[in-house]
Amino acid sequence: MATDRNDLKAKLLAQAEAAIDKLLSDERLSEQMTMSEIEAVVGKSEADFRQRVLEEMIVMQRENGKTCPLCGSWLRNKGKRKKRVVTLRGESEIERTYYHCQTCQKGYFPPG
């Protein structure tokens, strides 16, 4: 997951730099612009960058997401939960990520 986050960070930094370059290349910036005009140019750049960030985060989430073994729906990560397990050497308490399918209403430690 750390590599995924590092990859995402690198992509977003590159996209932010491209957005800044595009903003600064706007010929209107060299003219006398009103505050409203400046705000409109910056707002457009912000909206474009926000859209790219959302898309990248959704892609990362899907690539790292788990699907329900029963119905194939996306599972929601509900965080870490403790569970007691019995092994050949006795009982242990382990902590694992718990997933829940909103379609089937089933929970999994871990799915699959």
PDB file of N, CA and C in Angstrom:
ATOM      1  N   MET A   1       0.827  -1.196   0.000  1.00  0.00           N
ATOM      2  CA  MET A   1       0.000   0.000   0.000  1.00  0.00           C
ATOM      3  C   MET A   1       0.867   1.253   0.000  1.00  0.00           C
ATOM      4  N   ALA A   2       2.007   1.214   0.697  1.00  0.00           N
ATOM      5  CA  ALA A   2       2.881   2.382   0.727  1.00  0.00           C
ATOM      6  C   ALA A   2       3.365   2.728  -0.671  1.00  0.00           C
ATOM      7  N   THR A   3       3.678   1.702  -1.479  1.00  0.00           N
ATOM      8  CA  THR A   3       4.116   1.952  -2.844  1.00  0.00           C
ATOM      9  C   THR A   3       2.988   2.586  -3.639  1.00  0.00           C
ATOM     10  N   ASP A   4       1.762   2.093  -3.445  1.00  0.00           N
ATOM     11  CA  ASP A   4       0.622   2.681  -4.133  1.00  0.00           C
ATOM     12  C   ASP A   4       0.472   4.147  -3.764  1.00  0.00           C
ATOM     13  N   ARG A   5       0.636   4.447  -2.494  1.00  0.00           N
ATOM     14  CA  ARG A   5       0.528   5.848  -2.054  1.00  0.00           C
ATOM     15  C   ARG A   5       1.657   6.694  -2.626  1.00  0.00           C
ATOM     16  N   ASN A   6       2.854   6.130  -2.677  1.00  0.00           N
ATOM     17  CA  ASN A   6       3.980   6.859  -3.256  1.00  0.00           C
ATOM     18  C   ASN A   6       3.767   7.092  -4.747  1.00  0.00           C
ATOM     19  N   ASP A   7       3.239   6.070  -5.448  1.00  0.00           N
ATOM     20  CA  ASP A   7       2.929   6.223  -6.868  1.00  0.00           C
ATOM     21  C   ASP A   7       1.862   7.293  -7.068  1.00  0.00           C
ATOM     22  N   LEU A   8       0.825   7.255  -6.227  1.00  0.00           N
ATOM     23  CA  LEU A   8      -0.241   8.246  -6.319  1.00  0.00           C
ATOM     24  C   LEU A   8       0.313   9.646  -6.056  1.00  0.00           C
ATOM     25  N   LYS A   9       1.153   9.764  -5.049  1.00  0.00           N
ATOM     26  CA  LYS A   9       1.744  11.064  -4.729  1.00  0.00           C
ATOM     27  C   LYS A   9       2.553  11.590  -5.922  1.00  0.00           C
ATOM     28  N   ALA A  10       3.344  10.727  -6.544  1.00  0.00           N
ATOM     29  CA  ALA A  10       4.143  11.140  -7.697  1.00  0.00           C
ATOM     30  C   ALA A  10       3.243  11.589  -8.852  1.00  0.00           C
ATOM     31  N   LYS A  11       2.165  10.847  -9.111  1.00  0.00           N
ATOM     32  CA  LYS A  11       1.224  11.230 -10.173  1.00  0.00           C
ATOM     33  C   LYS A  11       0.582  12.573  -9.876  1.00  0.00           C
ATOM     34  N   LEU A  12       0.151  12.749  -8.616  1.00  0.00           N
ATOM     35  CA  LEU A  12      -0.531  13.995  -8.260  1.00  0.00           C
ATOM     36  C   LEU A  12       0.419  15.187  -8.303  1.00  0.00           C
ATOM     37  N   LEU A  13       1.657  14.980  -7.879  1.00  0.00           N
ATOM     38  CA  LEU A  13       2.636  16.071  -7.955  1.00  0.00           C
ATOM     39  C   LEU A  13       2.889  16.461  -9.408  1.00  0.00           C
ATOM     40  N   ALA A  14       2.998  15.471 -10.292  1.00  0.00           N
ATOM     41  CA  ALA A  14       3.196  15.753 -11.718  1.00  0.00           C
ATOM     42  C   ALA A  14       1.991  16.495 -12.286  1.00  0.00           C
ATOM     43  N   GLN A  15       0.794  16.084 -11.890  1.00  0.00           N
ATOM     44  CA  GLN A  15      -0.411  16.747 -12.379  1.00  0.00           C
ATOM     45  C   GLN A  15      -0.538  18.154 -11.812  1.00  0.00           C
ATOM     46  N   ALA A  16      -0.133  18.335 -10.562  1.00  0.00           N
ATOM     47  CA  ALA A  16      -0.166  19.674  -9.968  1.00  0.00           C
ATOM     48  C   ALA A  16       0.807  20.594 -10.697  1.00  0.00           C
ATOM     49  N   GLU A  17       1.993  20.080 -11.000  1.00  0.00           N
ATOM     50  CA  GLU A  17       2.978  20.882 -11.723  1.00  0.00           C
ATOM     51  C   GLU A  17       2.461  21.237 -13.121  1.00  0.00           C
ATOM     52  N   ALA A  18       1.829  20.287 -13.791  1.00  0.00           N
ATOM     53  CA  ALA A  18       1.266  20.555 -15.117  1.00  0.00           C
ATOM     54  C   ALA A  18       0.157  21.606 -15.026  1.00  0.00           C
ATOM     55  N   ALA A  19      -0.669  21.523 -13.974  1.00  0.00           N
ATOM     56  CA  ALA A  19      -1.742  22.505 -13.786  1.00  0.00           C
ATOM     57  C   ALA A  19      -1.169  23.897 -13.544  1.00  0.00           C
ATOM     58  N   ILE A  20      -0.113  23.979 -12.770  1.00  0.00           N
ATOM     59  CA  ILE A  20       0.532  25.273 -12.501  1.00  0.00           C
ATOM     60  C   ILE A  20       1.147  25.826 -13.777  1.00  0.00           C
ATOM     61  N   ASP A  21       1.833  24.968 -14.544  1.00  0.00           N
ATOM     62  CA  ASP A  21       2.424  25.410 -15.810  1.00  0.00           C
ATOM     63  C   ASP A  21       1.348  25.937 -16.759  1.00  0.00           C
ATOM     64  N   LYS A  22       0.229  25.219 -16.830  1.00  0.00           N
ATOM     65  CA  LYS A  22      -0.871  25.649 -17.700  1.00  0.00           C
ATOM     66  C   LYS A  22      -1.428  26.988 -17.229  1.00  0.00           C
ATOM     67  N   LEU A  23      -1.590  27.130 -15.922  1.00  0.00           N
ATOM     68  CA  LEU A  23      -2.105  28.377 -15.359  1.00  0.00           C
ATOM     69  C   LEU A  23      -1.177  29.543 -15.678  1.00  0.00           C
ATOM     70  N   LEU A  24       0.115  29.338 -15.501  1.00  0.00           N
ATOM     71  CA  LEU A  24       1.081  30.411 -15.731  1.00  0.00           C
ATOM     72  C   LEU A  24       1.277  30.723 -17.210  1.00  0.00           C
ATOM     73  N   SER A  25       0.928  29.797 -18.093  1.00  0.00           N
ATOM     74  CA  SER A  25       1.072  30.049 -19.531  1.00  0.00           C
ATOM     75  C   SER A  25      -0.117  30.810 -20.104  1.00  0.00           C
ATOM     76  N   ASP A  26      -1.144  31.003 -19.301  1.00  0.00           N
ATOM     77  CA  ASP A  26      -2.328  31.737 -19.761  1.00  0.00           C
ATOM     78  C   ASP A  26      -1.912  33.175 -20.081  1.00  0.00           C
ATOM     79  N   GLU A  27      -2.099  33.574 -21.322  1.00  0.00           N
ATOM     80  CA  GLU A  27      -1.672  34.906 -21.781  1.00  0.00           C
ATOM     81  C   GLU A  27      -2.368  36.034 -21.036  1.00  0.00           C
ATOM     82  N   ARG A  28      -3.547  35.780 -20.541  1.00  0.00           N
ATOM     83  CA  ARG A  28      -4.291  36.829 -19.851  1.00  0.00           C
ATOM     84  C   ARG A  28      -3.628  37.239 -18.543  1.00  0.00           C
ATOM     85  N   LEU A  29      -2.754  36.381 -17.989  1.00  0.00           N
ATOM     86  CA  LEU A  29      -2.109  36.715 -16.721  1.00  0.00           C
ATOM     87  C   LEU A  29      -1.138  37.881 -16.855  1.00  0.00           C
ATOM     88  N   SER A  30      -0.626  38.092 -18.057  1.00  0.00           N
ATOM     89  CA  SER A  30       0.310  39.197 -18.251  1.00  0.00           C
ATOM     90  C   SER A  30      -0.406  40.539 -18.383  1.00  0.00           C
ATOM     91  N   GLU A  31      -1.711  40.498 -18.602  1.00  0.00           N
ATOM     92  CA  GLU A  31      -2.499  41.717 -18.718  1.00  0.00           C
ATOM     93  C   GLU A  31      -2.981  42.155 -17.340  1.00  0.00           C
ATOM     94  N   GLN A  32      -3.569  43.314 -17.291  1.00  0.00           N
ATOM     95  CA  GLN A  32      -4.210  43.767 -16.067  1.00  0.00           C
ATOM     96  C   GLN A  32      -5.542  43.045 -15.950  1.00  0.00           C
ATOM     97  N   MET A  33      -5.635  42.129 -15.026  1.00  0.00           N
ATOM     98  CA  MET A  33      -6.874  41.384 -14.843  1.00  0.00           C
ATOM     99  C   MET A  33      -7.554  41.865 -13.571  1.00  0.00           C
ATOM    100  N   THR A  34      -8.854  41.820 -13.592  1.00  0.00           N
ATOM    101  CA  THR A  34      -9.600  42.142 -12.372  1.00  0.00           C
ATOM    102  C   THR A  34      -9.500  40.937 -11.427  1.00  0.00           C
ATOM    103  N   MET A  35      -9.843  41.168 -10.191  1.00  0.00           N
ATOM    104  CA  MET A  35      -9.828  40.087  -9.208  1.00  0.00           C
ATOM    105  C   MET A  35     -10.788  38.979  -9.625  1.00  0.00           C
ATOM    106  N   SER A  36     -11.934  39.342 -10.165  1.00  0.00           N
ATOM    107  CA  SER A  36     -12.910  38.352 -10.625  1.00  0.00           C
ATOM    108  C   SER A  36     -12.350  37.500 -11.753  1.00  0.00           C
ATOM    109  N   GLU A  37     -11.610  38.120 -12.674  1.00  0.00           N
ATOM    110  CA  GLU A  37     -11.012  37.379 -13.785  1.00  0.00           C
ATOM    111  C   GLU A  37      -9.919  36.433 -13.283  1.00  0.00           C
ATOM    112  N   ILE A  38      -9.106  36.910 -12.368  1.00  0.00           N
ATOM    113  CA  ILE A  38      -8.059  36.060 -11.779  1.00  0.00           C
ATOM    114  C   ILE A  38      -8.699  34.880 -11.059  1.00  0.00           C
ATOM    115  N   GLU A  39      -9.734  35.174 -10.298  1.00  0.00           N
ATOM    116  CA  GLU A  39     -10.432  34.117  -9.562  1.00  0.00           C
ATOM    117  C   GLU A  39     -11.029  33.078 -10.515  1.00  0.00           C
ATOM    118  N   ALA A  40     -11.550  33.509 -11.647  1.00  0.00           N
ATOM    119  CA  ALA A  40     -12.134  32.586 -12.615  1.00  0.00           C
ATOM    120  C   ALA A  40     -11.063  31.677 -13.220  1.00  0.00           C
ATOM    121  N   VAL A  41      -9.900  32.247 -13.565  1.00  0.00           N
ATOM    122  CA  VAL A  41      -8.808  31.452 -14.136  1.00  0.00           C
ATOM    123  C   VAL A  41      -8.289  30.442 -13.111  1.00  0.00           C
ATOM    124  N   VAL A  42      -8.081  30.896 -11.881  1.00  0.00           N
ATOM    125  CA  VAL A  42      -7.600  30.006 -10.823  1.00  0.00           C
ATOM    126  C   VAL A  42      -8.658  28.952 -10.500  1.00  0.00           C
ATOM    127  N   GLY A  43      -9.912  29.352 -10.466  1.00  0.00           N
ATOM    128  CA  GLY A  43     -10.998  28.414 -10.180  1.00  0.00           C
ATOM    129  C   GLY A  43     -11.078  27.296 -11.202  1.00  0.00           C
ATOM    130  N   LYS A  44     -10.897  27.624 -12.466  1.00  0.00           N
ATOM    131  CA  LYS A  44     -10.916  26.608 -13.531  1.00  0.00           C
ATOM    132  C   LYS A  44      -9.764  25.629 -13.334  1.00  0.00           C
ATOM    133  N   SER A  45      -8.591  26.153 -13.039  1.00  0.00           N
ATOM    134  CA  SER A  45      -7.423  25.303 -12.811  1.00  0.00           C
ATOM    135  C   SER A  45      -7.647  24.399 -11.602  1.00  0.00           C
ATOM    136  N   GLU A  46      -8.210  24.961 -10.559  1.00  0.00           N
ATOM    137  CA  GLU A  46      -8.503  24.193  -9.341  1.00  0.00           C
ATOM    138  C   GLU A  46      -9.504  23.074  -9.624  1.00  0.00           C
ATOM    139  N   ALA A  47     -10.544  23.378 -10.369  1.00  0.00           N
ATOM    140  CA  ALA A  47     -11.570  22.375 -10.674  1.00  0.00           C
ATOM    141  C   ALA A  47     -10.993  21.239 -11.519  1.00  0.00           C
ATOM    142  N   ASP A  48     -10.157  21.577 -12.497  1.00  0.00           N
ATOM    143  CA  ASP A  48      -9.534  20.550 -13.339  1.00  0.00           C
ATOM    144  C   ASP A  48      -8.633  19.645 -12.491  1.00  0.00           C
ATOM    145  N   PHE A  49      -7.834  20.244 -11.622  1.00  0.00           N
ATOM    146  CA  PHE A  49      -6.926  19.458 -10.777  1.00  0.00           C
ATOM    147  C   PHE A  49      -7.719  18.599  -9.794  1.00  0.00           C
ATOM    148  N   ARG A  50      -8.753  19.159  -9.196  1.00  0.00           N
ATOM    149  CA  ARG A  50      -9.588  18.407  -8.252  1.00  0.00           C
ATOM    150  C   ARG A  50     -10.169  17.170  -8.923  1.00  0.00           C
ATOM    151  N   GLN A  51     -10.636  17.325 -10.166  1.00  0.00           N
ATOM    152  CA  GLN A  51     -11.210  16.207 -10.917  1.00  0.00           C
ATOM    153  C   GLN A  51     -10.158  15.115 -11.134  1.00  0.00           C
ATOM    154  N   ARG A  52      -8.949  15.510 -11.498  1.00  0.00           N
ATOM    155  CA  ARG A  52      -7.890  14.518 -11.721  1.00  0.00           C
ATOM    156  C   ARG A  52      -7.525  13.795 -10.427  1.00  0.00           C
ATOM    157  N   VAL A  53      -7.493  14.517  -9.302  1.00  0.00           N
ATOM    158  CA  VAL A  53      -7.192  13.896  -8.012  1.00  0.00           C
ATOM    159  C   VAL A  53      -8.260  12.863  -7.665  1.00  0.00           C
ATOM    160  N   LEU A  54      -9.513  13.232  -7.822  1.00  0.00           N
ATOM    161  CA  LEU A  54     -10.611  12.303  -7.534  1.00  0.00           C
ATOM    162  C   LEU A  54     -10.501  11.049  -8.395  1.00  0.00           C
ATOM    163  N   GLU A  55     -10.255  11.227  -9.675  1.00  0.00           N
ATOM    164  CA  GLU A  55     -10.144  10.080 -10.579  1.00  0.00           C
ATOM    165  C   GLU A  55      -9.000   9.163 -10.173  1.00  0.00           C
ATOM    166  N   GLU A  56      -7.844   9.733  -9.854  1.00  0.00           N
ATOM    167  CA  GLU A  56      -6.687   8.922  -9.458  1.00  0.00           C
ATOM    168  C   GLU A  56      -6.957   8.160  -8.163  1.00  0.00           C
ATOM    169  N   MET A  57      -7.612   8.803  -7.211  1.00  0.00           N
ATOM    170  CA  MET A  57      -7.888   8.140  -5.938  1.00  0.00           C
ATOM    171  C   MET A  57      -8.903   7.012  -6.106  1.00  0.00           C
ATOM    172  N   ILE A  58      -9.878   7.211  -6.975  1.00  0.00           N
ATOM    173  CA  ILE A  58     -10.863   6.161  -7.234  1.00  0.00           C
ATOM    174  C   ILE A  58     -10.198   4.968  -7.909  1.00  0.00           C
ATOM    175  N   VAL A  59      -9.315   5.235  -8.865  1.00  0.00           N
ATOM    176  CA  VAL A  59      -8.591   4.148  -9.531  1.00  0.00           C
ATOM    177  C   VAL A  59      -7.767   3.369  -8.512  1.00  0.00           C
ATOM    178  N   MET A  60      -7.056   4.083  -7.638  1.00  0.00           N
ATOM    179  CA  MET A  60      -6.243   3.404  -6.622  1.00  0.00           C
ATOM    180  C   MET A  60      -7.126   2.559  -5.703  1.00  0.00           C
ATOM    181  N   GLN A  61      -8.253   3.101  -5.305  1.00  0.00           N
ATOM    182  CA  GLN A  61      -9.156   2.380  -4.417  1.00  0.00           C
ATOM    183  C   GLN A  61      -9.677   1.106  -5.086  1.00  0.00           C
ATOM    184  N   ARG A  62     -10.034   1.216  -6.351  1.00  0.00           N
ATOM    185  CA  ARG A  62     -10.542   0.034  -7.070  1.00  0.00           C
ATOM    186  C   ARG A  62      -9.456  -1.012  -7.249  1.00  0.00           C
ATOM    187  N   GLU A  63      -8.232  -0.560  -7.568  1.00  0.00           N
ATOM    188  CA  GLU A  63      -7.140  -1.509  -7.773  1.00  0.00           C
ATOM    189  C   GLU A  63      -6.804  -2.256  -6.485  1.00  0.00           C
ATOM    190  N   ASN A  64      -6.986  -1.592  -5.358  1.00  0.00           N
ATOM    191  CA  ASN A  64      -6.672  -2.208  -4.070  1.00  0.00           C
ATOM    192  C   ASN A  64      -7.901  -2.804  -3.394  1.00  0.00           C
ATOM    193  N   GLY A  65      -9.053  -2.653  -4.024  1.00  0.00           N
ATOM    194  CA  GLY A  65     -10.299  -3.090  -3.415  1.00  0.00           C
ATOM    195  C   GLY A  65     -10.476  -4.597  -3.459  1.00  0.00           C
ATOM    196  N   LYS A  66     -11.350  -5.058  -2.615  1.00  0.00           N
ATOM    197  CA  LYS A  66     -11.690  -6.478  -2.536  1.00  0.00           C
ATOM    198  C   LYS A  66     -13.136  -6.639  -3.000  1.00  0.00           C
ATOM    199  N   THR A  67     -13.432  -7.789  -3.554  1.00  0.00           N
ATOM    200  CA  THR A  67     -14.793  -8.073  -3.972  1.00  0.00           C
ATOM    201  C   THR A  67     -15.353  -9.249  -3.199  1.00  0.00           C
ATOM    202  N   CYS A  68     -16.652  -9.254  -3.050  1.00  0.00           N
ATOM    203  CA  CYS A  68     -17.362 -10.296  -2.317  1.00  0.00           C
ATOM    204  C   CYS A  68     -17.257 -11.622  -3.069  1.00  0.00           C
ATOM    205  N   PRO A  69     -16.853 -12.690  -2.385  1.00  0.00           N
ATOM    206  CA  PRO A  69     -16.763 -13.986  -3.064  1.00  0.00           C
ATOM    207  C   PRO A  69     -18.131 -14.555  -3.443  1.00  0.00           C
ATOM    208  N   LEU A  70     -19.208 -14.047  -2.839  1.00  0.00           N
ATOM    209  CA  LEU A  70     -20.549 -14.557  -3.158  1.00  0.00           C
ATOM    210  C   LEU A  70     -21.196 -13.834  -4.334  1.00  0.00           C
ATOM    211  N   CYS A  71     -21.161 -12.485  -4.307  1.00  0.00           N
ATOM    212  CA  CYS A  71     -21.893 -11.733  -5.333  1.00  0.00           C
ATOM    213  C   CYS A  71     -21.012 -10.867  -6.222  1.00  0.00           C
ATOM    214  N   GLY A  72     -19.754 -10.692  -5.857  1.00  0.00           N
ATOM    215  CA  GLY A  72     -18.852  -9.884  -6.674  1.00  0.00           C
ATOM    216  C   GLY A  72     -18.916  -8.396  -6.410  1.00  0.00           C
ATOM    217  N   SER A  73     -19.766  -7.931  -5.486  1.00  0.00           N
ATOM    218  CA  SER A  73     -19.855  -6.505  -5.153  1.00  0.00           C
ATOM    219  C   SER A  73     -18.597  -6.066  -4.409  1.00  0.00           C
ATOM    220  N   TRP A  74     -18.340  -4.755  -4.442  1.00  0.00           N
ATOM    221  CA  TRP A  74     -17.190  -4.224  -3.711  1.00  0.00           C
ATOM    222  C   TRP A  74     -17.437  -4.338  -2.221  1.00  0.00           C
ATOM    223  N   LEU A  75     -16.402  -4.745  -1.495  1.00  0.00           N
ATOM    224  CA  LEU A  75     -16.490  -4.842  -0.041  1.00  0.00           C
ATOM    225  C   LEU A  75     -15.991  -3.546   0.576  1.00  0.00           C
ATOM    226  N   ARG A  76     -16.616  -3.166   1.669  1.00  0.00           N
ATOM    227  CA  ARG A  76     -16.173  -1.987   2.419  1.00  0.00           C
ATOM    228  C   ARG A  76     -15.202  -2.417   3.495  1.00  0.00           C
ATOM    229  N   ASN A  77     -14.076  -1.737   3.569  1.00  0.00           N
ATOM    230  CA  ASN A  77     -13.103  -1.987   4.620  1.00  0.00           C
ATOM    231  C   ASN A  77     -13.642  -1.353   5.896  1.00  0.00           C
ATOM    232  N   LYS A  78     -13.883  -2.157   6.905  1.00  0.00           N
ATOM    233  CA  LYS A  78     -14.450  -1.676   8.162  1.00  0.00           C
ATOM    234  C   LYS A  78     -13.389  -1.528   9.245  1.00  0.00           C
ATOM    235  N   GLY A  79     -12.119  -1.592   8.860  1.00  0.00           N
ATOM    236  CA  GLY A  79     -11.038  -1.411   9.814  1.00  0.00           C
ATOM    237  C   GLY A  79     -10.568  -2.730  10.402  1.00  0.00           C
ATOM    238  N   LYS A  80      -9.696  -2.612  11.365  1.00  0.00           N
ATOM    239  CA  LYS A  80      -9.119  -3.790  12.017  1.00  0.00           C
ATOM    240  C   LYS A  80     -10.050  -4.287  13.113  1.00  0.00           C
ATOM    241  N   ARG A  81     -10.143  -5.583  13.214  1.00  0.00           N
ATOM    242  CA  ARG A  81     -10.921  -6.227  14.281  1.00  0.00           C
ATOM    243  C   ARG A  81     -10.104  -7.378  14.846  1.00  0.00           C
ATOM    244  N   LYS A  82     -10.309  -7.632  16.111  1.00  0.00           N
ATOM    245  CA  LYS A  82      -9.629  -8.756  16.754  1.00  0.00           C
ATOM    246  C   LYS A  82     -10.518  -9.986  16.660  1.00  0.00           C
ATOM    247  N   LYS A  83      -9.850 -11.133  16.570  1.00  0.00           N
ATOM    248  CA  LYS A  83     -10.585 -12.388  16.485  1.00  0.00           C
ATOM    249  C   LYS A  83      -9.770 -13.465  17.196  1.00  0.00           C
ATOM    250  N   ARG A  84     -10.470 -14.288  17.950  1.00  0.00           N
ATOM    251  CA  ARG A  84      -9.817 -15.417  18.610  1.00  0.00           C
ATOM    252  C   ARG A  84      -9.839 -16.597  17.653  1.00  0.00           C
ATOM    253  N   VAL A  85      -8.689 -17.213  17.486  1.00  0.00           N
ATOM    254  CA  VAL A  85      -8.589 -18.380  16.613  1.00  0.00           C
ATOM    255  C   VAL A  85      -7.968 -19.532  17.387  1.00  0.00           C
ATOM    256  N   VAL A  86      -8.347 -20.735  17.004  1.00  0.00           N
ATOM    257  CA  VAL A  86      -7.797 -21.938  17.621  1.00  0.00           C
ATOM    258  C   VAL A  86      -6.840 -22.567  16.619  1.00  0.00           C
ATOM    259  N   THR A  87      -5.613 -22.776  17.046  1.00  0.00           N
ATOM    260  CA  THR A  87      -4.613 -23.408  16.194  1.00  0.00           C
ATOM    261  C   THR A  87      -4.196 -24.733  16.833  1.00  0.00           C
ATOM    262  N   LEU A  88      -3.314 -25.442  16.194  1.00  0.00           N
ATOM    263  CA  LEU A  88      -2.800 -26.685  16.767  1.00  0.00           C
ATOM    264  C   LEU A  88      -2.068 -26.443  18.083  1.00  0.00           C
ATOM    265  N   ARG A  89      -1.559 -25.249  18.283  1.00  0.00           N
ATOM    266  CA  ARG A  89      -0.796 -24.906  19.490  1.00  0.00           C
ATOM    267  C   ARG A  89      -1.635 -24.196  20.545  1.00  0.00           C
ATOM    268  N   GLY A  90      -2.932 -24.045  20.318  1.00  0.00           N
ATOM    269  CA  GLY A  90      -3.793 -23.394  21.294  1.00  0.00           C
ATOM    270  C   GLY A  90      -4.522 -22.202  20.701  1.00  0.00           C
ATOM    271  N   GLU A  91      -5.127 -21.410  21.578  1.00  0.00           N
ATOM    272  CA  GLU A  91      -5.885 -20.232  21.139  1.00  0.00           C
ATOM    273  C   GLU A  91      -4.982 -19.017  21.047  1.00  0.00           C
ATOM    274  N   SER A  92      -5.302 -18.161  20.083  1.00  0.00           N
ATOM    275  CA  SER A  92      -4.594 -16.892  19.913  1.00  0.00           C
ATOM    276  C   SER A  92      -5.590 -15.822  19.541  1.00  0.00           C
ATOM    277  N   GLU A  93      -5.240 -14.603  19.822  1.00  0.00           N
ATOM    278  CA  GLU A  93      -6.046 -13.478  19.374  1.00  0.00           C
ATOM    279  C   GLU A  93      -5.237 -12.751  18.312  1.00  0.00           C
ATOM    280  N   ILE A  94      -5.830 -12.602  17.131  1.00  0.00           N
ATOM    281  CA  ILE A  94      -5.147 -11.907  16.047  1.00  0.00           C
ATOM    282  C   ILE A  94      -5.989 -10.723  15.605  1.00  0.00           C
ATOM    283  N   GLU A  95      -5.334  -9.776  14.983  1.00  0.00           N
ATOM    284  CA  GLU A  95      -6.022  -8.599  14.479  1.00  0.00           C
ATOM    285  C   GLU A  95      -5.914  -8.608  12.961  1.00  0.00           C
ATOM    286  N   ARG A  96      -7.065  -8.534  12.305  1.00  0.00           N
ATOM    287  CA  ARG A  96      -7.106  -8.549  10.845  1.00  0.00           C
ATOM    288  C   ARG A  96      -8.088  -7.501  10.351  1.00  0.00           C
ATOM    289  N   THR A  97      -7.965  -7.178   9.080  1.00  0.00           N
ATOM    290  CA  THR A  97      -8.893  -6.241   8.471  1.00  0.00           C
ATOM    291  C   THR A  97     -10.231  -6.939   8.247  1.00  0.00           C
ATOM    292  N   TYR A  98     -11.298  -6.265   8.605  1.00  0.00           N
ATOM    293  CA  TYR A  98     -12.650  -6.800   8.467  1.00  0.00           C
ATOM    294  C   TYR A  98     -13.330  -6.104   7.287  1.00  0.00           C
ATOM    295  N   TYR A  99     -13.953  -6.885   6.422  1.00  0.00           N
ATOM    296  CA  TYR A  99     -14.656  -6.356   5.258  1.00  0.00           C
ATOM    297  C   TYR A  99     -16.132  -6.703   5.352  1.00  0.00           C
ATOM    298  N   HIS A 100     -16.969  -5.846   4.773  1.00  0.00           N
ATOM    299  CA  HIS A 100     -18.412  -6.077   4.802  1.00  0.00           C
ATOM    300  C   HIS A 100     -18.992  -5.816   3.420  1.00  0.00           C
ATOM    301  N   CYS A 101     -19.867  -6.728   2.973  1.00  0.00           N
ATOM    302  CA  CYS A 101     -20.563  -6.576   1.690  1.00  0.00           C
ATOM    303  C   CYS A 101     -21.939  -5.982   1.977  1.00  0.00           C
ATOM    304  N   GLN A 102     -22.220  -4.811   1.418  1.00  0.00           N
ATOM    305  CA  GLN A 102     -23.516  -4.183   1.633  1.00  0.00           C
ATOM    306  C   GLN A 102     -24.616  -4.869   0.843  1.00  0.00           C
ATOM    307  N   THR A 103     -24.251  -5.595  -0.210  1.00  0.00           N
ATOM    308  CA  THR A 103     -25.252  -6.305  -1.002  1.00  0.00           C
ATOM    309  C   THR A 103     -25.712  -7.572  -0.286  1.00  0.00           C
ATOM    310  N   CYS A 104     -24.758  -8.416   0.112  1.00  0.00           N
ATOM    311  CA  CYS A 104     -25.082  -9.701   0.768  1.00  0.00           C
ATOM    312  C   CYS A 104     -25.273  -9.573   2.285  1.00  0.00           C
ATOM    313  N   GLN A 105     -24.781  -8.474   2.842  1.00  0.00           N
ATOM    314  CA  GLN A 105     -24.791  -8.263   4.292  1.00  0.00           C
ATOM    315  C   GLN A 105     -23.919  -9.300   5.011  1.00  0.00           C
ATOM    316  N   LYS A 106     -22.842  -9.743   4.350  1.00  0.00           N
ATOM    317  CA  LYS A 106     -21.910 -10.701   4.952  1.00  0.00           C
ATOM    318  C   LYS A 106     -20.627  -9.975   5.309  1.00  0.00           C
ATOM    319  N   GLY A 107     -19.945 -10.481   6.332  1.00  0.00           N
ATOM    320  CA  GLY A 107     -18.659  -9.953   6.734  1.00  0.00           C
ATOM    321  C   GLY A 107     -17.575 -10.978   6.500  1.00  0.00           C
ATOM    322  N   TYR A 108     -16.365 -10.490   6.241  1.00  0.00           N
ATOM    323  CA  TYR A 108     -15.246 -11.390   5.933  1.00  0.00           C
ATOM    324  C   TYR A 108     -13.989 -10.963   6.663  1.00  0.00           C
ATOM    325  N   PHE A 109     -13.242 -11.955   7.142  1.00  0.00           N
ATOM    326  CA  PHE A 109     -11.930 -11.794   7.780  1.00  0.00           C
ATOM    327  C   PHE A 109     -10.944 -12.655   7.047  1.00  0.00           C
ATOM    328  N   PRO A 110     -10.123 -12.272   6.253  1.00  0.00           N
ATOM    329  CA  PRO A 110     -10.278 -11.367   5.110  1.00  0.00           C
ATOM    330  C   PRO A 110     -11.088 -12.049   4.035  1.00  0.00           C
ATOM    331  N   PRO A 111     -11.486 -11.315   2.989  1.00  0.00           N
ATOM    332  CA  PRO A 111     -12.330 -11.936   1.961  1.00  0.00           C
ATOM    333  C   PRO A 111     -11.540 -12.946   1.140  1.00  0.00           C
ATOM    334  N   GLY A 112     -12.305 -13.791   0.477  1.00  0.00           N
ATOM    335  CA  GLY A 112     -11.658 -14.681  -0.462  1.00  0.00           C
ATOM    336  C   GLY A 112     -11.737 -16.060  -0.031  1.00  0.00           C
TER     337      GLY A 112
END
